[in-house]
C-alpha cells in the first residue's frame, strides 16, 4: 500500500463504503490518497484507467467486467478484505427464486447459513 502513496487515485463517491475503506487503509499506511476523480460509473473509471490517468482499487469481482488491457495487482492485506453478507428476516417465507439465489451463492462462494 505504501508504494501507492504517489499515485493519483480514482475513487467512488463518498457514499460508497469502498471509498472509506480505501481512505482508512491509506491513512493506516501514513498517507492520504491523492484523489483526482470521484465517480459512480464503472465505464468512466475504466476509461480513465485505459488512458493511464490514475489508479483505482476495485473489488475483485469487478475485474471480469473491465478491459483485459488493464494491469491488475492483487492487494493481499487484511485491512483491504471485504466480506459481504446476505440478510433477511427470519419470520418470512423465502420464495423459490430467493432460495435458488442463495443456493447459487453457496455453490459459487462456498458459504453456509
N, C-alpha and C. Protein backbone atom coordinates (compact mmCIF):
# COMPACT_ATOMS: atom_id res chain seq x y z
N UNK A 1 0.82 -1.20 0.00
CA UNK A 1 0.00 0.00 0.00
C UNK A 1 0.86 1.26 0.00
N UNK A 2 1.95 1.22 0.75
CA UNK A 2 2.83 2.39 0.82
C UNK A 2 3.36 2.77 -0.56
N UNK A 3 3.53 1.78 -1.46
CA UNK A 3 4.00 2.05 -2.82
C UNK A 3 3.01 2.88 -3.63
N UNK A 4 1.77 2.97 -3.18
CA UNK A 4 0.74 3.72 -3.91
C UNK A 4 0.66 5.18 -3.49
N UNK A 5 1.49 5.58 -2.55
CA UNK A 5 1.39 6.93 -1.96
C UNK A 5 1.46 8.04 -3.01
N UNK A 6 2.30 7.91 -4.01
CA UNK A 6 2.49 8.97 -5.00
C UNK A 6 1.53 8.85 -6.19
N UNK A 7 0.68 7.86 -6.18
CA UNK A 7 -0.23 7.63 -7.30
C UNK A 7 -1.45 8.55 -7.23
N UNK A 8 -2.08 8.75 -8.38
CA UNK A 8 -3.32 9.51 -8.45
C UNK A 8 -4.48 8.51 -8.46
N UNK A 9 -5.40 8.68 -7.53
CA UNK A 9 -6.48 7.73 -7.30
C UNK A 9 -7.78 8.17 -7.96
N UNK A 10 -8.48 7.20 -8.51
CA UNK A 10 -9.87 7.38 -8.91
C UNK A 10 -10.67 6.64 -7.84
N UNK A 11 -11.52 7.35 -7.14
CA UNK A 11 -12.32 6.74 -6.08
C UNK A 11 -13.80 6.87 -6.39
N UNK A 12 -14.57 6.08 -5.70
CA UNK A 12 -16.01 6.20 -5.82
C UNK A 12 -16.47 7.35 -4.95
N UNK A 13 -17.70 7.79 -5.16
CA UNK A 13 -18.24 8.87 -4.36
C UNK A 13 -18.23 8.50 -2.88
N UNK A 14 -18.32 9.50 -2.05
CA UNK A 14 -18.19 9.32 -0.60
C UNK A 14 -19.23 8.39 0.01
N UNK A 15 -20.36 8.21 -0.65
CA UNK A 15 -21.39 7.34 -0.09
C UNK A 15 -21.10 5.86 -0.32
N UNK A 16 -20.05 5.52 -1.06
CA UNK A 16 -19.65 4.13 -1.27
C UNK A 16 -18.76 3.68 -0.13
N UNK A 17 -19.06 2.53 0.45
CA UNK A 17 -18.26 2.00 1.55
C UNK A 17 -16.80 1.81 1.14
N UNK A 18 -16.57 1.38 -0.08
CA UNK A 18 -15.21 1.14 -0.55
C UNK A 18 -14.36 2.40 -0.49
N UNK A 19 -14.95 3.56 -0.73
CA UNK A 19 -14.25 4.83 -0.63
C UNK A 19 -13.65 4.99 0.76
N UNK A 20 -14.46 4.76 1.78
CA UNK A 20 -14.00 4.88 3.17
C UNK A 20 -12.92 3.85 3.50
N UNK A 21 -13.10 2.64 3.00
CA UNK A 21 -12.14 1.57 3.27
C UNK A 21 -10.78 1.91 2.67
N UNK A 22 -10.76 2.42 1.45
CA UNK A 22 -9.50 2.79 0.80
C UNK A 22 -8.83 3.94 1.56
N UNK A 23 -9.59 4.98 1.88
CA UNK A 23 -9.03 6.12 2.60
C UNK A 23 -8.45 5.69 3.95
N UNK A 24 -9.19 4.89 4.69
CA UNK A 24 -8.71 4.43 6.01
C UNK A 24 -7.47 3.58 5.89
N UNK A 25 -7.43 2.70 4.90
CA UNK A 25 -6.25 1.85 4.72
C UNK A 25 -5.04 2.70 4.36
N UNK A 26 -5.21 3.67 3.46
CA UNK A 26 -4.10 4.57 3.11
C UNK A 26 -3.62 5.33 4.34
N UNK A 27 -4.54 5.85 5.13
CA UNK A 27 -4.16 6.58 6.35
C UNK A 27 -3.38 5.69 7.31
N UNK A 28 -3.79 4.42 7.39
CA UNK A 28 -3.07 3.47 8.25
C UNK A 28 -1.64 3.26 7.77
N UNK A 29 -1.39 3.52 6.50
CA UNK A 29 -0.04 3.41 5.94
C UNK A 29 0.66 4.77 5.89
N UNK A 30 0.06 5.78 6.50
CA UNK A 30 0.71 7.07 6.68
C UNK A 30 0.51 8.08 5.58
N UNK A 31 -0.50 7.92 4.73
CA UNK A 31 -0.75 8.91 3.69
C UNK A 31 -2.23 9.00 3.36
N UNK A 32 -2.60 10.10 2.77
CA UNK A 32 -3.95 10.29 2.24
C UNK A 32 -3.88 10.09 0.73
N UNK A 33 -4.80 9.34 0.16
CA UNK A 33 -4.75 9.13 -1.29
C UNK A 33 -4.96 10.44 -2.05
N UNK A 34 -4.19 10.63 -3.10
CA UNK A 34 -4.32 11.80 -3.96
C UNK A 34 -5.46 11.54 -4.94
N UNK A 35 -6.66 12.02 -4.59
CA UNK A 35 -7.85 11.76 -5.40
C UNK A 35 -7.93 12.75 -6.55
N UNK A 36 -7.98 12.23 -7.77
CA UNK A 36 -8.13 13.11 -8.92
C UNK A 36 -9.55 13.08 -9.49
N UNK A 37 -10.27 11.98 -9.23
CA UNK A 37 -11.66 11.86 -9.68
C UNK A 37 -12.45 11.07 -8.64
N UNK A 38 -13.72 11.43 -8.51
CA UNK A 38 -14.68 10.62 -7.77
C UNK A 38 -15.82 10.34 -8.74
N UNK A 39 -16.27 9.10 -8.76
CA UNK A 39 -17.30 8.73 -9.72
C UNK A 39 -18.15 7.58 -9.18
N UNK A 40 -19.25 7.32 -9.83
CA UNK A 40 -20.09 6.16 -9.54
C UNK A 40 -20.14 5.23 -10.74
N UNK A 41 -19.46 5.58 -11.81
CA UNK A 41 -19.58 4.87 -13.08
C UNK A 41 -18.37 3.97 -13.36
N UNK A 42 -18.61 2.66 -13.50
CA UNK A 42 -17.53 1.73 -13.83
C UNK A 42 -16.91 2.07 -15.18
N UNK A 43 -17.76 2.41 -16.16
CA UNK A 43 -17.26 2.67 -17.50
C UNK A 43 -16.36 3.92 -17.53
N UNK A 44 -16.72 4.93 -16.78
CA UNK A 44 -15.88 6.13 -16.70
C UNK A 44 -14.55 5.80 -16.03
N UNK A 45 -14.60 5.03 -14.97
CA UNK A 45 -13.38 4.60 -14.28
C UNK A 45 -12.50 3.82 -15.24
N UNK A 46 -13.09 2.93 -16.00
CA UNK A 46 -12.34 2.12 -16.96
C UNK A 46 -11.64 3.01 -18.00
N UNK A 47 -12.35 4.01 -18.50
CA UNK A 47 -11.76 4.92 -19.50
C UNK A 47 -10.58 5.69 -18.92
N UNK A 48 -10.71 6.14 -17.70
CA UNK A 48 -9.61 6.86 -17.05
C UNK A 48 -8.40 5.94 -16.91
N UNK A 49 -8.64 4.70 -16.51
CA UNK A 49 -7.55 3.73 -16.34
C UNK A 49 -6.91 3.40 -17.68
N UNK A 50 -7.71 3.19 -18.70
CA UNK A 50 -7.18 2.86 -20.03
C UNK A 50 -6.34 4.00 -20.61
N UNK A 51 -6.64 5.24 -20.20
CA UNK A 51 -5.88 6.39 -20.66
C UNK A 51 -4.73 6.74 -19.70
N UNK A 52 -4.44 5.82 -18.78
CA UNK A 52 -3.30 5.95 -17.88
C UNK A 52 -3.33 7.27 -17.08
N UNK A 53 -4.52 7.63 -16.60
CA UNK A 53 -4.67 8.88 -15.86
C UNK A 53 -4.72 8.68 -14.35
N UNK A 54 -4.61 7.45 -13.89
CA UNK A 54 -4.64 7.20 -12.46
C UNK A 54 -4.79 5.73 -12.18
N UNK A 55 -4.99 5.42 -10.89
CA UNK A 55 -5.21 4.04 -10.45
C UNK A 55 -6.53 3.96 -9.70
N UNK A 56 -7.03 2.76 -9.57
CA UNK A 56 -8.28 2.55 -8.84
C UNK A 56 -8.19 1.21 -8.11
N UNK A 57 -8.67 1.18 -6.89
CA UNK A 57 -8.77 -0.06 -6.13
C UNK A 57 -10.21 -0.52 -6.24
N UNK A 58 -10.39 -1.72 -6.78
CA UNK A 58 -11.72 -2.26 -7.06
C UNK A 58 -11.92 -3.61 -6.41
N UNK A 59 -13.17 -3.98 -6.13
CA UNK A 59 -13.43 -5.35 -5.69
C UNK A 59 -13.03 -6.33 -6.78
N UNK A 60 -12.52 -7.46 -6.40
CA UNK A 60 -12.02 -8.47 -7.35
C UNK A 60 -13.07 -8.87 -8.37
N UNK A 61 -14.32 -8.98 -7.96
CA UNK A 61 -15.39 -9.40 -8.86
C UNK A 61 -15.63 -8.45 -10.02
N UNK A 62 -15.24 -7.21 -9.90
CA UNK A 62 -15.43 -6.22 -10.96
C UNK A 62 -14.43 -6.42 -12.09
N UNK A 63 -13.32 -7.05 -11.81
CA UNK A 63 -12.25 -7.19 -12.80
C UNK A 63 -12.72 -7.89 -14.07
N UNK A 64 -13.64 -8.83 -13.94
CA UNK A 64 -14.17 -9.54 -15.11
C UNK A 64 -14.93 -8.62 -16.05
N UNK A 65 -15.39 -7.48 -15.54
CA UNK A 65 -16.17 -6.55 -16.34
C UNK A 65 -15.30 -5.54 -17.08
N UNK A 66 -14.02 -5.49 -16.73
CA UNK A 66 -13.13 -4.46 -17.28
C UNK A 66 -12.29 -4.99 -18.43
N UNK A 67 -11.74 -4.07 -19.20
CA UNK A 67 -10.90 -4.36 -20.35
C UNK A 67 -9.69 -5.18 -19.93
N UNK A 68 -9.35 -6.19 -20.73
CA UNK A 68 -8.21 -7.07 -20.42
C UNK A 68 -6.86 -6.38 -20.55
N UNK A 69 -6.81 -5.19 -21.12
CA UNK A 69 -5.55 -4.47 -21.29
C UNK A 69 -5.12 -3.74 -20.02
N UNK A 70 -5.91 -3.80 -18.97
CA UNK A 70 -5.56 -3.14 -17.72
C UNK A 70 -4.66 -4.03 -16.87
N UNK A 71 -3.67 -3.43 -16.24
CA UNK A 71 -2.77 -4.14 -15.33
C UNK A 71 -3.47 -4.31 -13.99
N UNK A 72 -3.44 -5.52 -13.45
CA UNK A 72 -4.08 -5.81 -12.17
C UNK A 72 -3.03 -6.29 -11.18
N UNK A 73 -3.06 -5.72 -9.99
CA UNK A 73 -2.18 -6.15 -8.91
C UNK A 73 -3.07 -6.49 -7.72
N UNK A 74 -2.91 -7.68 -7.18
CA UNK A 74 -3.70 -8.11 -6.04
C UNK A 74 -3.16 -7.45 -4.77
N UNK A 75 -4.04 -6.83 -4.01
CA UNK A 75 -3.66 -6.27 -2.71
C UNK A 75 -4.09 -7.27 -1.66
N UNK A 76 -3.13 -7.99 -1.15
CA UNK A 76 -3.42 -9.04 -0.19
C UNK A 76 -3.12 -8.55 1.23
N UNK A 77 -3.89 -7.59 1.67
CA UNK A 77 -3.73 -7.02 3.00
C UNK A 77 -5.02 -7.24 3.79
N UNK A 78 -4.90 -7.69 5.03
CA UNK A 78 -6.12 -7.88 5.84
C UNK A 78 -6.99 -6.63 5.93
N UNK A 79 -6.37 -5.46 5.93
CA UNK A 79 -7.14 -4.22 6.04
C UNK A 79 -7.99 -3.95 4.80
N UNK A 80 -7.70 -4.63 3.69
CA UNK A 80 -8.47 -4.42 2.47
C UNK A 80 -9.48 -5.54 2.21
N UNK A 81 -9.55 -6.53 3.07
CA UNK A 81 -10.53 -7.59 2.89
C UNK A 81 -11.92 -7.02 3.09
N UNK A 82 -12.85 -7.54 2.29
CA UNK A 82 -14.20 -7.02 2.31
C UNK A 82 -15.15 -8.21 2.23
N UNK A 83 -15.86 -8.45 3.31
CA UNK A 83 -16.78 -9.56 3.35
C UNK A 83 -18.21 -9.03 3.29
N UNK A 84 -19.00 -9.66 2.44
CA UNK A 84 -20.40 -9.28 2.29
C UNK A 84 -21.29 -10.34 2.91
N UNK A 85 -22.45 -9.91 3.33
CA UNK A 85 -23.40 -10.80 3.99
C UNK A 85 -24.77 -10.60 3.38
N UNK A 86 -25.49 -11.69 3.27
CA UNK A 86 -26.89 -11.63 2.84
C UNK A 86 -27.74 -11.80 4.09
N UNK A 87 -28.68 -10.90 4.26
CA UNK A 87 -29.50 -10.92 5.48
C UNK A 87 -30.97 -10.82 5.07
N UNK A 88 -31.81 -11.59 5.73
CA UNK A 88 -33.24 -11.47 5.53
C UNK A 88 -33.94 -11.78 6.83
N UNK A 89 -35.19 -11.37 6.95
CA UNK A 89 -35.95 -11.57 8.18
C UNK A 89 -36.24 -13.04 8.38
N UNK A 90 -36.16 -13.48 9.63
CA UNK A 90 -36.41 -14.88 9.98
C UNK A 90 -37.89 -15.25 9.84
N UNK A 91 -38.76 -14.29 10.04
CA UNK A 91 -40.19 -14.60 10.10
C UNK A 91 -40.89 -14.58 8.74
N UNK A 92 -40.13 -14.57 7.65
CA UNK A 92 -40.78 -14.61 6.33
C UNK A 92 -40.44 -15.93 5.64
N UNK A 93 -41.31 -16.29 4.73
CA UNK A 93 -41.07 -17.49 3.93
C UNK A 93 -40.28 -17.06 2.70
N UNK A 94 -39.17 -17.72 2.47
CA UNK A 94 -38.31 -17.38 1.34
C UNK A 94 -38.87 -18.06 0.09
N UNK A 95 -39.13 -17.28 -0.96
CA UNK A 95 -39.70 -17.84 -2.19
C UNK A 95 -38.65 -18.64 -2.96
N UNK A 96 -39.07 -19.35 -3.98
CA UNK A 96 -38.18 -20.25 -4.72
C UNK A 96 -37.08 -19.50 -5.45
N UNK A 97 -37.38 -18.31 -5.95
CA UNK A 97 -36.35 -17.51 -6.63
C UNK A 97 -35.23 -17.15 -5.66
N UNK A 98 -35.61 -16.72 -4.46
CA UNK A 98 -34.61 -16.37 -3.44
C UNK A 98 -33.83 -17.61 -3.00
N UNK A 99 -34.53 -18.74 -2.84
CA UNK A 99 -33.84 -19.98 -2.48
C UNK A 99 -32.80 -20.36 -3.54
N UNK A 100 -33.17 -20.21 -4.81
CA UNK A 100 -32.22 -20.51 -5.89
C UNK A 100 -31.04 -19.56 -5.87
N UNK A 101 -31.28 -18.29 -5.57
CA UNK A 101 -30.20 -17.30 -5.47
C UNK A 101 -29.24 -17.67 -4.33
N UNK A 102 -29.79 -18.05 -3.19
CA UNK A 102 -28.96 -18.45 -2.05
C UNK A 102 -28.16 -19.70 -2.40
N UNK A 103 -28.80 -20.66 -3.07
CA UNK A 103 -28.11 -21.88 -3.49
C UNK A 103 -26.95 -21.54 -4.43
N UNK A 104 -27.20 -20.65 -5.40
CA UNK A 104 -26.15 -20.22 -6.33
C UNK A 104 -24.98 -19.61 -5.56
N UNK A 105 -25.28 -18.72 -4.62
CA UNK A 105 -24.22 -18.07 -3.85
C UNK A 105 -23.44 -19.09 -3.01
N UNK A 106 -24.16 -20.05 -2.44
CA UNK A 106 -23.48 -21.08 -1.65
C UNK A 106 -22.52 -21.89 -2.52
N UNK A 107 -22.97 -22.27 -3.69
CA UNK A 107 -22.13 -23.07 -4.58
C UNK A 107 -20.95 -22.25 -5.14
N UNK A 108 -21.21 -21.01 -5.50
CA UNK A 108 -20.18 -20.16 -6.09
C UNK A 108 -19.14 -19.70 -5.07
N UNK A 109 -19.60 -19.37 -3.87
CA UNK A 109 -18.72 -18.78 -2.88
C UNK A 109 -18.53 -19.65 -1.64
N UNK A 110 -19.04 -20.87 -1.68
CA UNK A 110 -18.88 -21.80 -0.56
C UNK A 110 -19.29 -21.21 0.77
N UNK A 111 -20.48 -20.63 0.81
CA UNK A 111 -20.97 -20.02 2.05
C UNK A 111 -22.00 -20.93 2.70
N UNK A 112 -22.20 -20.72 3.98
CA UNK A 112 -23.17 -21.51 4.75
C UNK A 112 -24.15 -20.58 5.44
N UNK A 113 -25.32 -21.11 5.69
CA UNK A 113 -26.29 -20.39 6.53
C UNK A 113 -27.05 -21.39 7.34
